[in-house]
Amino acid sequence: MRFLVKAVIPLEAGNDLVRDPEMMQRIQSVLADLKPEAAYFAAADGQRTIYLIVNMNEAHEIARIAEPLWLGFEADVELIPVMVQEDFAKAASFFEELNEKY
């Protein structure tokens, strides 16, 4: 199952990361462990933010995804289940039944 991971890096931890001469190696190491489909770097709500698309098959994998972000960047981590267009098209088969029921 795909998840959108939002990792918000607090100001001081982000400043420390930027000042670290090995910043890129740290980021690359975490990303290598997480193996995201995609990674995006942004400023959201005034904070350094990383958005990742990852796949997880079982709930225990949450630790595999969140722990490197917590330990490596002191990030606030949010995991949001998401669908690609093909998944949404498959879900459409439920809409008529649910519409009639509810």
PDB file of N, CA and C in Angstrom:
ATOM      1  N   MET A   1       0.850  -1.175   0.000  1.00  0.00           N
ATOM      2  CA  MET A   1       0.000   0.000   0.000  1.00  0.00           C
ATOM      3  C   MET A   1       0.892   1.233   0.000  1.00  0.00           C
ATOM      4  N   ARG A   2       0.499   2.206  -0.791  1.00  0.00           N
ATOM      5  CA  ARG A   2       1.278   3.442  -0.877  1.00  0.00           C
ATOM      6  C   ARG A   2       0.884   4.411   0.237  1.00  0.00           C
ATOM      7  N   PHE A   3       1.913   5.113   0.719  1.00  0.00           N
ATOM      8  CA  PHE A   3       1.708   6.156   1.714  1.00  0.00           C
ATOM      9  C   PHE A   3       2.459   7.405   1.291  1.00  0.00           C
ATOM     10  N   LEU A   4       1.830   8.545   1.542  1.00  0.00           N
ATOM     11  CA  LEU A   4       2.516   9.824   1.462  1.00  0.00           C
ATOM     12  C   LEU A   4       3.079  10.074   2.850  1.00  0.00           C
ATOM     13  N   VAL A   5       4.373  10.242   2.933  1.00  0.00           N
ATOM     14  CA  VAL A   5       5.032  10.524   4.208  1.00  0.00           C
ATOM     15  C   VAL A   5       5.401  12.004   4.202  1.00  0.00           C
ATOM     16  N   LYS A   6       4.957  12.702   5.214  1.00  0.00           N
ATOM     17  CA  LYS A   6       5.311  14.108   5.391  1.00  0.00           C
ATOM     18  C   LYS A   6       6.217  14.178   6.610  1.00  0.00           C
ATOM     19  N   ALA A   7       7.453  14.596   6.389  1.00  0.00           N
ATOM     20  CA  ALA A   7       8.425  14.721   7.480  1.00  0.00           C
ATOM     21  C   ALA A   7       8.802  16.191   7.610  1.00  0.00           C
ATOM     22  N   VAL A   8       8.373  16.799   8.707  1.00  0.00           N
ATOM     23  CA  VAL A   8       8.652  18.212   8.974  1.00  0.00           C
ATOM     24  C   VAL A   8       9.838  18.282   9.927  1.00  0.00           C
ATOM     25  N   ILE A   9      10.886  18.961   9.495  1.00  0.00           N
ATOM     26  CA  ILE A   9      12.105  19.064  10.293  1.00  0.00           C
ATOM     27  C   ILE A   9      12.038  20.358  11.097  1.00  0.00           C
ATOM     28  N   PRO A  10      12.075  20.272  12.434  1.00  0.00           N
ATOM     29  CA  PRO A  10      12.017  21.479  13.258  1.00  0.00           C
ATOM     30  C   PRO A  10      13.167  22.435  12.937  1.00  0.00           C
ATOM     31  N   LEU A  11      12.962  23.702  13.216  1.00  0.00           N
ATOM     32  CA  LEU A  11      13.911  24.757  12.844  1.00  0.00           C
ATOM     33  C   LEU A  11      15.337  24.462  13.305  1.00  0.00           C
ATOM     34  N   GLU A  12      15.534  24.219  14.572  1.00  0.00           N
ATOM     35  CA  GLU A  12      16.900  24.027  15.083  1.00  0.00           C
ATOM     36  C   GLU A  12      17.551  22.770  14.509  1.00  0.00           C
ATOM     37  N   ALA A  13      16.786  21.682  14.435  1.00  0.00           N
ATOM     38  CA  ALA A  13      17.330  20.450  13.848  1.00  0.00           C
ATOM     39  C   ALA A  13      17.666  20.668  12.379  1.00  0.00           C
ATOM     40  N   GLY A  14      16.831  21.428  11.681  1.00  0.00           N
ATOM     41  CA  GLY A  14      17.096  21.749  10.280  1.00  0.00           C
ATOM     42  C   GLY A  14      18.322  22.615  10.115  1.00  0.00           C
ATOM     43  N   ASN A  15      18.478  23.602  11.005  1.00  0.00           N
ATOM     44  CA  ASN A  15      19.672  24.444  10.955  1.00  0.00           C
ATOM     45  C   ASN A  15      20.927  23.615  11.191  1.00  0.00           C
ATOM     46  N   ASP A  16      20.869  22.708  12.170  1.00  0.00           N
ATOM     47  CA  ASP A  16      22.012  21.830  12.433  1.00  0.00           C
ATOM     48  C   ASP A  16      22.317  20.959  11.220  1.00  0.00           C
ATOM     49  N   LEU A  17      21.279  20.470  10.574  1.00  0.00           N
ATOM     50  CA  LEU A  17      21.469  19.632   9.394  1.00  0.00           C
ATOM     51  C   LEU A  17      22.146  20.408   8.274  1.00  0.00           C
ATOM     52  N   VAL A  18      21.679  21.622   8.017  1.00  0.00           N
ATOM     53  CA  VAL A  18      22.259  22.445   6.950  1.00  0.00           C
ATOM     54  C   VAL A  18      23.713  22.788   7.252  1.00  0.00           C
ATOM     55  N   ARG A  19      24.054  22.977   8.511  1.00  0.00           N
ATOM     56  CA  ARG A  19      25.433  23.305   8.899  1.00  0.00           C
ATOM     57  C   ARG A  19      26.363  22.089   8.876  1.00  0.00           C
ATOM     58  N   ASP A  20      25.786  20.898   8.805  1.00  0.00           N
ATOM     59  CA  ASP A  20      26.568  19.665   8.819  1.00  0.00           C
ATOM     60  C   ASP A  20      27.211  19.461   7.442  1.00  0.00           C
ATOM     61  N   PRO A  21      28.538  19.395   7.367  1.00  0.00           N
ATOM     62  CA  PRO A  21      29.187  19.201   6.059  1.00  0.00           C
ATOM     63  C   PRO A  21      28.821  17.860   5.407  1.00  0.00           C
ATOM     64  N   GLU A  22      28.274  16.944   6.185  1.00  0.00           N
ATOM     65  CA  GLU A  22      27.873  15.643   5.636  1.00  0.00           C
ATOM     66  C   GLU A  22      26.355  15.554   5.425  1.00  0.00           C
ATOM     67  N   MET A  23      25.707  16.716   5.302  1.00  0.00           N
ATOM     68  CA  MET A  23      24.261  16.769   5.160  1.00  0.00           C
ATOM     69  C   MET A  23      23.773  15.887   4.017  1.00  0.00           C
ATOM     70  N   MET A  24      24.346  16.029   2.845  1.00  0.00           N
ATOM     71  CA  MET A  24      23.852  15.269   1.693  1.00  0.00           C
ATOM     72  C   MET A  24      24.041  13.770   1.891  1.00  0.00           C
ATOM     73  N   GLN A  25      25.141  13.376   2.506  1.00  0.00           N
ATOM     74  CA  GLN A  25      25.348  11.949   2.772  1.00  0.00           C
ATOM     75  C   GLN A  25      24.301  11.429   3.752  1.00  0.00           C
ATOM     76  N   ARG A  26      23.960  12.220   4.767  1.00  0.00           N
ATOM     77  CA  ARG A  26      22.932  11.815   5.740  1.00  0.00           C
ATOM     78  C   ARG A  26      21.584  11.649   5.057  1.00  0.00           C
ATOM     79  N   ILE A  27      21.229  12.619   4.231  1.00  0.00           N
ATOM     80  CA  ILE A  27      19.945  12.550   3.528  1.00  0.00           C
ATOM     81  C   ILE A  27      19.931  11.357   2.586  1.00  0.00           C
ATOM     82  N   GLN A  28      20.999  11.174   1.824  1.00  0.00           N
ATOM     83  CA  GLN A  28      21.061  10.047   0.886  1.00  0.00           C
ATOM     84  C   GLN A  28      21.010   8.710   1.616  1.00  0.00           C
ATOM     85  N   SER A  29      21.626   8.633   2.781  1.00  0.00           N
ATOM     86  CA  SER A  29      21.613   7.403   3.558  1.00  0.00           C
ATOM     87  C   SER A  29      20.187   7.062   4.015  1.00  0.00           C
ATOM     88  N   VAL A  30      19.480   8.054   4.525  1.00  0.00           N
ATOM     89  CA  VAL A  30      18.103   7.826   4.970  1.00  0.00           C
ATOM     90  C   VAL A  30      17.234   7.426   3.783  1.00  0.00           C
ATOM     91  N   LEU A  31      17.356   8.129   2.678  1.00  0.00           N
ATOM     92  CA  LEU A  31      16.550   7.803   1.505  1.00  0.00           C
ATOM     93  C   LEU A  31      16.875   6.413   0.965  1.00  0.00           C
ATOM     94  N   ALA A  32      18.135   6.024   1.020  1.00  0.00           N
ATOM     95  CA  ALA A  32      18.515   4.674   0.571  1.00  0.00           C
ATOM     96  C   ALA A  32      17.842   3.617   1.436  1.00  0.00           C
ATOM     97  N   ASP A  33      17.731   3.876   2.731  1.00  0.00           N
ATOM     98  CA  ASP A  33      17.076   2.924   3.629  1.00  0.00           C
ATOM     99  C   ASP A  33      15.555   2.887   3.404  1.00  0.00           C
ATOM    100  N   LEU A  34      14.956   4.044   3.137  1.00  0.00           N
ATOM    101  CA  LEU A  34      13.506   4.115   2.983  1.00  0.00           C
ATOM    102  C   LEU A  34      13.026   3.651   1.607  1.00  0.00           C
ATOM    103  N   LYS A  35      13.885   3.777   0.608  1.00  0.00           N
ATOM    104  CA  LYS A  35      13.550   3.367  -0.757  1.00  0.00           C
ATOM    105  C   LYS A  35      12.221   3.952  -1.251  1.00  0.00           C
ATOM    106  N   PRO A  36      12.091   5.277  -1.234  1.00  0.00           N
ATOM    107  CA  PRO A  36      10.830   5.866  -1.692  1.00  0.00           C
ATOM    108  C   PRO A  36      10.685   5.781  -3.208  1.00  0.00           C
ATOM    109  N   GLU A  37       9.423   5.735  -3.665  1.00  0.00           N
ATOM    110  CA  GLU A  37       9.150   5.858  -5.101  1.00  0.00           C
ATOM    111  C   GLU A  37       9.524   7.246  -5.588  1.00  0.00           C
ATOM    112  N   ALA A  38       9.296   8.221  -4.722  1.00  0.00           N
ATOM    113  CA  ALA A  38       9.581   9.618  -5.059  1.00  0.00           C
ATOM    114  C   ALA A  38       9.905  10.365  -3.773  1.00  0.00           C
ATOM    115  N   ALA A  39      10.725  11.410  -3.909  1.00  0.00           N
ATOM    116  CA  ALA A  39      11.078  12.268  -2.775  1.00  0.00           C
ATOM    117  C   ALA A  39      11.026  13.722  -3.243  1.00  0.00           C
ATOM    118  N   TYR A  40      10.363  14.551  -2.444  1.00  0.00           N
ATOM    119  CA  TYR A  40      10.237  15.973  -2.743  1.00  0.00           C
ATOM    120  C   TYR A  40      10.645  16.766  -1.512  1.00  0.00           C
ATOM    121  N   PHE A  41      11.368  17.853  -1.735  1.00  0.00           N
ATOM    122  CA  PHE A  41      11.837  18.704  -0.658  1.00  0.00           C
ATOM    123  C   PHE A  41      11.161  20.057  -0.810  1.00  0.00           C
ATOM    124  N   ALA A  42      10.598  20.568   0.292  1.00  0.00           N
ATOM    125  CA  ALA A  42       9.803  21.789   0.215  1.00  0.00           C
ATOM    126  C   ALA A  42       9.896  22.567   1.517  1.00  0.00           C
ATOM    127  N   ALA A  43       9.386  23.799   1.462  1.00  0.00           N
ATOM    128  CA  ALA A  43       9.134  24.578   2.669  1.00  0.00           C
ATOM    129  C   ALA A  43       7.626  24.589   2.850  1.00  0.00           C
ATOM    130  N   ALA A  44       7.144  24.027   3.949  1.00  0.00           N
ATOM    131  CA  ALA A  44       5.710  23.978   4.224  1.00  0.00           C
ATOM    132  C   ALA A  44       5.468  24.552   5.604  1.00  0.00           C
ATOM    133  N   ASP A  45       4.569  25.509   5.694  1.00  0.00           N
ATOM    134  CA  ASP A  45       4.276  26.183   6.958  1.00  0.00           C
ATOM    135  C   ASP A  45       5.548  26.711   7.610  1.00  0.00           C
ATOM    136  N   GLY A  46       6.472  27.197   6.797  1.00  0.00           N
ATOM    137  CA  GLY A  46       7.700  27.799   7.308  1.00  0.00           C
ATOM    138  C   GLY A  46       8.752  26.811   7.787  1.00  0.00           C
ATOM    139  N   GLN A  47       8.554  25.531   7.541  1.00  0.00           N
ATOM    140  CA  GLN A  47       9.494  24.502   8.010  1.00  0.00           C
ATOM    141  C   GLN A  47      10.053  23.718   6.825  1.00  0.00           C
ATOM    142  N   ARG A  48      11.281  23.249   6.983  1.00  0.00           N
ATOM    143  CA  ARG A  48      11.842  22.330   5.994  1.00  0.00           C
ATOM    144  C   ARG A  48      11.032  21.046   6.036  1.00  0.00           C
ATOM    145  N   THR A  49      10.587  20.602   4.877  1.00  0.00           N
ATOM    146  CA  THR A  49       9.679  19.459   4.810  1.00  0.00           C
ATOM    147  C   THR A  49      10.110  18.532   3.688  1.00  0.00           C
ATOM    148  N   ILE A  50      10.029  17.246   3.974  1.00  0.00           N
ATOM    149  CA  ILE A  50      10.296  16.226   2.972  1.00  0.00           C
ATOM    150  C   ILE A  50       9.004  15.442   2.766  1.00  0.00           C
ATOM    151  N   TYR A  51       8.607  15.283   1.514  1.00  0.00           N
ATOM    152  CA  TYR A  51       7.470  14.445   1.156  1.00  0.00           C
ATOM    153  C   TYR A  51       8.005  13.217   0.426  1.00  0.00           C
ATOM    154  N   LEU A  52       7.568  12.056   0.845  1.00  0.00           N
ATOM    155  CA  LEU A  52       8.012  10.810   0.233  1.00  0.00           C
ATOM    156  C   LEU A  52       6.794   9.979  -0.148  1.00  0.00           C
ATOM    157  N   ILE A  53       6.920   9.209  -1.188  1.00  0.00           N
ATOM    158  CA  ILE A  53       5.938   8.178  -1.523  1.00  0.00           C
ATOM    159  C   ILE A  53       6.635   6.848  -1.259  1.00  0.00           C
ATOM    160  N   VAL A  54       6.072   6.066  -0.334  1.00  0.00           N
ATOM    161  CA  VAL A  54       6.660   4.778   0.032  1.00  0.00           C
ATOM    162  C   VAL A  54       5.597   3.689  -0.035  1.00  0.00           C
ATOM    163  N   ASN A  55       6.051   2.465  -0.163  1.00  0.00           N
ATOM    164  CA  ASN A  55       5.163   1.307  -0.127  1.00  0.00           C
ATOM    165  C   ASN A  55       5.382   0.550   1.161  1.00  0.00           C
ATOM    166  N   MET A  56       4.286   0.141   1.780  1.00  0.00           N
ATOM    167  CA  MET A  56       4.340  -0.709   2.970  1.00  0.00           C
ATOM    168  C   MET A  56       3.310  -1.810   2.793  1.00  0.00           C
ATOM    169  N   ASN A  57       3.707  -3.028   3.122  1.00  0.00           N
ATOM    170  CA  ASN A  57       2.789  -4.159   3.030  1.00  0.00           C
ATOM    171  C   ASN A  57       2.169  -4.511   4.376  1.00  0.00           C
ATOM    172  N   GLU A  58       2.877  -4.180   5.470  1.00  0.00           N
ATOM    173  CA  GLU A  58       2.392  -4.537   6.797  1.00  0.00           C
ATOM    174  C   GLU A  58       2.617  -3.365   7.754  1.00  0.00           C
ATOM    175  N   ALA A  59       1.801  -3.319   8.797  1.00  0.00           N
ATOM    176  CA  ALA A  59       1.820  -2.203   9.741  1.00  0.00           C
ATOM    177  C   ALA A  59       3.166  -2.039  10.440  1.00  0.00           C
ATOM    178  N   HIS A  60       3.867  -3.139  10.717  1.00  0.00           N
ATOM    179  CA  HIS A  60       5.140  -3.016  11.434  1.00  0.00           C
ATOM    180  C   HIS A  60       6.178  -2.222  10.641  1.00  0.00           C
ATOM    181  N   GLU A  61       5.962  -2.051   9.342  1.00  0.00           N
ATOM    182  CA  GLU A  61       6.897  -1.283   8.521  1.00  0.00           C
ATOM    183  C   GLU A  61       6.857   0.212   8.822  1.00  0.00           C
ATOM    184  N   ILE A  62       5.869   0.642   9.578  1.00  0.00           N
ATOM    185  CA  ILE A  62       5.822   2.052   9.983  1.00  0.00           C
ATOM    186  C   ILE A  62       7.121   2.424  10.690  1.00  0.00           C
ATOM    187  N   ALA A  63       7.616   1.546  11.539  1.00  0.00           N
ATOM    188  CA  ALA A  63       8.873   1.817  12.247  1.00  0.00           C
ATOM    189  C   ALA A  63      10.037   1.941  11.267  1.00  0.00           C
ATOM    190  N   ARG A  64      10.052   1.113  10.228  1.00  0.00           N
ATOM    191  CA  ARG A  64      11.127   1.162   9.224  1.00  0.00           C
ATOM    192  C   ARG A  64      11.139   2.510   8.506  1.00  0.00           C
ATOM    193  N   ILE A  65       9.966   3.092   8.342  1.00  0.00           N
ATOM    194  CA  ILE A  65       9.858   4.376   7.648  1.00  0.00           C
ATOM    195  C   ILE A  65      10.078   5.549   8.609  1.00  0.00           C
ATOM    196  N   ALA A  66       9.420   5.544   9.740  1.00  0.00           N
ATOM    197  CA  ALA A  66       9.430   6.706  10.629  1.00  0.00           C
ATOM    198  C   ALA A  66      10.718   6.851  11.431  1.00  0.00           C
ATOM    199  N   GLU A  67      11.270   5.754  11.931  1.00  0.00           N
ATOM    200  CA  GLU A  67      12.438   5.851  12.820  1.00  0.00           C
ATOM    201  C   GLU A  67      13.631   6.572  12.193  1.00  0.00           C
ATOM    202  N   PRO A  68      14.007   6.281  10.937  1.00  0.00           N
ATOM    203  CA  PRO A  68      15.135   7.033  10.368  1.00  0.00           C
ATOM    204  C   PRO A  68      14.872   8.539  10.287  1.00  0.00           C
ATOM    205  N   LEU A  69      13.620   8.920  10.068  1.00  0.00           N
ATOM    206  CA  LEU A  69      13.280  10.343   9.997  1.00  0.00           C
ATOM    207  C   LEU A  69      13.301  10.979  11.379  1.00  0.00           C
ATOM    208  N   TRP A  70      12.832  10.242  12.378  1.00  0.00           N
ATOM    209  CA  TRP A  70      12.884  10.749  13.754  1.00  0.00           C
ATOM    210  C   TRP A  70      14.328  10.843  14.241  1.00  0.00           C
ATOM    211  N   LEU A  71      15.058   9.765  14.092  1.00  0.00           N
ATOM    212  CA  LEU A  71      16.425   9.714  14.611  1.00  0.00           C
ATOM    213  C   LEU A  71      17.384  10.580  13.803  1.00  0.00           C
ATOM    214  N   GLY A  72      17.225  10.590  12.488  1.00  0.00           N
ATOM    215  CA  GLY A  72      18.156  11.315  11.633  1.00  0.00           C
ATOM    216  C   GLY A  72      17.907  12.808  11.552  1.00  0.00           C
ATOM    217  N   PHE A  73      16.636  13.205  11.648  1.00  0.00           N
ATOM    218  CA  PHE A  73      16.300  14.614  11.419  1.00  0.00           C
ATOM    219  C   PHE A  73      15.425  15.218  12.510  1.00  0.00           C
ATOM    220  N   GLU A  74      15.080  14.457  13.551  1.00  0.00           N
ATOM    221  CA  GLU A  74      14.157  14.909  14.589  1.00  0.00           C
ATOM    222  C   GLU A  74      12.836  15.383  13.989  1.00  0.00           C
ATOM    223  N   ALA A  75      12.420  14.750  12.897  1.00  0.00           N
ATOM    224  CA  ALA A  75      11.254  15.191  12.140  1.00  0.00           C
ATOM    225  C   ALA A  75       9.947  14.781  12.807  1.00  0.00           C
ATOM    226  N   ASP A  76       8.931  15.610  12.598  1.00  0.00           N
ATOM    227  CA  ASP A  76       7.557  15.235  12.901  1.00  0.00           C
ATOM    228  C   ASP A  76       7.077  14.471  11.671  1.00  0.00           C
ATOM    229  N   VAL A  77       6.599  13.255  11.865  1.00  0.00           N
ATOM    230  CA  VAL A  77       6.286  12.368  10.744  1.00  0.00           C
ATOM    231  C   VAL A  77       4.790  12.082  10.696  1.00  0.00           C
ATOM    232  N   GLU A  78       4.233  12.203   9.507  1.00  0.00           N
ATOM    233  CA  GLU A  78       2.838  11.868   9.266  1.00  0.00           C
ATOM    234  C   GLU A  78       2.782  10.901   8.091  1.00  0.00           C
ATOM    235  N   LEU A  79       2.012   9.824   8.225  1.00  0.00           N
ATOM    236  CA  LEU A  79       1.847   8.841   7.157  1.00  0.00           C
ATOM    237  C   LEU A  79       0.400   8.847   6.701  1.00  0.00           C
ATOM    238  N   ILE A  80       0.189   9.058   5.416  1.00  0.00           N
ATOM    239  CA  ILE A  80      -1.149   9.200   4.867  1.00  0.00           C
ATOM    240  C   ILE A  80      -1.324   8.168   3.749  1.00  0.00           C
ATOM    241  N   PRO A  81      -2.287   7.236   3.880  1.00  0.00           N
ATOM    242  CA  PRO A  81      -2.510   6.295   2.781  1.00  0.00           C
ATOM    243  C   PRO A  81      -2.995   7.040   1.538  1.00  0.00           C
ATOM    244  N   VAL A  82      -2.449   6.670   0.377  1.00  0.00           N
ATOM    245  CA  VAL A  82      -2.817   7.344  -0.868  1.00  0.00           C
ATOM    246  C   VAL A  82      -3.044   6.319  -1.978  1.00  0.00           C
ATOM    247  N   MET A  83      -3.742   6.763  -3.025  1.00  0.00           N
ATOM    248  CA  MET A  83      -3.993   5.935  -4.196  1.00  0.00           C
ATOM    249  C   MET A  83      -3.446   6.633  -5.432  1.00  0.00           C
ATOM    250  N   VAL A  84      -2.929   5.848  -6.362  1.00  0.00           N
ATOM    251  CA  VAL A  84      -2.619   6.367  -7.691  1.00  0.00           C
ATOM    252  C   VAL A  84      -3.901   6.282  -8.510  1.00  0.00           C
ATOM    253  N   GLN A  85      -3.875   6.826  -9.695  1.00  0.00           N
ATOM    254  CA  GLN A  85      -5.084   6.891 -10.514  1.00  0.00           C
ATOM    255  C   GLN A  85      -5.682   5.505 -10.761  1.00  0.00           C
ATOM    256  N   GLU A  86      -4.850   4.513 -10.983  1.00  0.00           N
ATOM    257  CA  GLU A  86      -5.349   3.161 -11.230  1.00  0.00           C
ATOM    258  C   GLU A  86      -6.070   2.598  -9.998  1.00  0.00           C
ATOM    259  N   ASP A  87      -5.533   2.884  -8.807  1.00  0.00           N
ATOM    260  CA  ASP A  87      -6.187   2.453  -7.568  1.00  0.00           C
ATOM    261  C   ASP A  87      -7.553   3.120  -7.427  1.00  0.00           C
ATOM    262  N   PHE A  88      -7.600   4.401  -7.725  1.00  0.00           N
ATOM    263  CA  PHE A  88      -8.860   5.133  -7.611  1.00  0.00           C
ATOM    264  C   PHE A  88      -9.891   4.582  -8.590  1.00  0.00           C
ATOM    265  N   ALA A  89      -9.447   4.222  -9.791  1.00  0.00           N
ATOM    266  CA  ALA A  89     -10.362   3.640 -10.777  1.00  0.00           C
ATOM    267  C   ALA A  89     -10.936   2.318 -10.262  1.00  0.00           C
ATOM    268  N   LYS A  90     -10.127   1.511  -9.602  1.00  0.00           N
ATOM    269  CA  LYS A  90     -10.611   0.255  -9.020  1.00  0.00           C
ATOM    270  C   LYS A  90     -11.620   0.546  -7.904  1.00  0.00           C
ATOM    271  N   ALA A  91     -11.365   1.565  -7.120  1.00  0.00           N
ATOM    272  CA  ALA A  91     -12.259   1.920  -6.015  1.00  0.00           C
ATOM    273  C   ALA A  91     -13.614   2.399  -6.516  1.00  0.00           C
ATOM    274  N   ALA A  92     -13.659   2.908  -7.724  1.00  0.00           N
ATOM    275  CA  ALA A  92     -14.915   3.434  -8.274  1.00  0.00           C
ATOM    276  C   ALA A  92     -16.000   2.372  -8.330  1.00  0.00           C
ATOM    277  N   SER A  93     -15.605   1.113  -8.375  1.00  0.00           N
ATOM    278  CA  SER A  93     -16.607   0.048  -8.407  1.00  0.00           C
ATOM    279  C   SER A  93     -17.445   0.015  -7.125  1.00  0.00           C
ATOM    280  N   PHE A  94     -16.938   0.559  -6.048  1.00  0.00           N
ATOM    281  CA  PHE A  94     -17.676   0.594  -4.780  1.00  0.00           C
ATOM    282  C   PHE A  94     -18.636   1.783  -4.689  1.00  0.00           C
ATOM    283  N   PHE A  95     -18.417   2.805  -5.495  1.00  0.00           N
ATOM    284  CA  PHE A  95     -19.162   4.041  -5.340  1.00  0.00           C
ATOM    285  C   PHE A  95     -20.664   3.858  -5.503  1.00  0.00           C
ATOM    286  N   GLU A  96     -21.096   3.144  -6.545  1.00  0.00           N
ATOM    287  CA  GLU A  96     -22.539   2.991  -6.789  1.00  0.00           C
ATOM    288  C   GLU A  96     -23.207   2.256  -5.613  1.00  0.00           C
ATOM    289  N   GLU A  97     -22.591   1.168  -5.178  1.00  0.00           N
ATOM    290  CA  GLU A  97     -23.135   0.400  -4.052  1.00  0.00           C
ATOM    291  C   GLU A  97     -23.200   1.254  -2.785  1.00  0.00           C
ATOM    292  N   LEU A  98     -22.141   1.986  -2.498  1.00  0.00           N
ATOM    293  CA  LEU A  98     -22.120   2.816  -1.304  1.00  0.00           C
ATOM    294  C   LEU A  98     -23.102   3.968  -1.407  1.00  0.00           C
ATOM    295  N   ASN A  99     -23.244   4.519  -2.597  1.00  0.00           N
ATOM    296  CA  ASN A  99     -24.180   5.619  -2.820  1.00  0.00           C
ATOM    297  C   ASN A  99     -25.611   5.160  -2.529  1.00  0.00           C
ATOM    298  N   GLU A 100     -25.959   3.949  -2.967  1.00  0.00           N
ATOM    299  CA  GLU A 100     -27.296   3.424  -2.714  1.00  0.00           C
ATOM    300  C   GLU A 100     -27.502   3.128  -1.242  1.00  0.00           C
ATOM    301  N   LYS A 101     -26.468   2.626  -0.581  1.00  0.00           N
ATOM    302  CA  LYS A 101     -26.591   2.221   0.827  1.00  0.00           C
ATOM    303  C   LYS A 101     -26.657   3.433   1.759  1.00  0.00           C
ATOM    304  N   TYR A 102     -25.877   4.448   1.478  1.00  0.00           N
ATOM    305  CA  TYR A 102     -25.784   5.586   2.390  1.00  0.00           C
ATOM    306  C   TYR A 102     -26.449   6.820   1.815  1.00  0.00           C
TER     307      TYR A 102
END
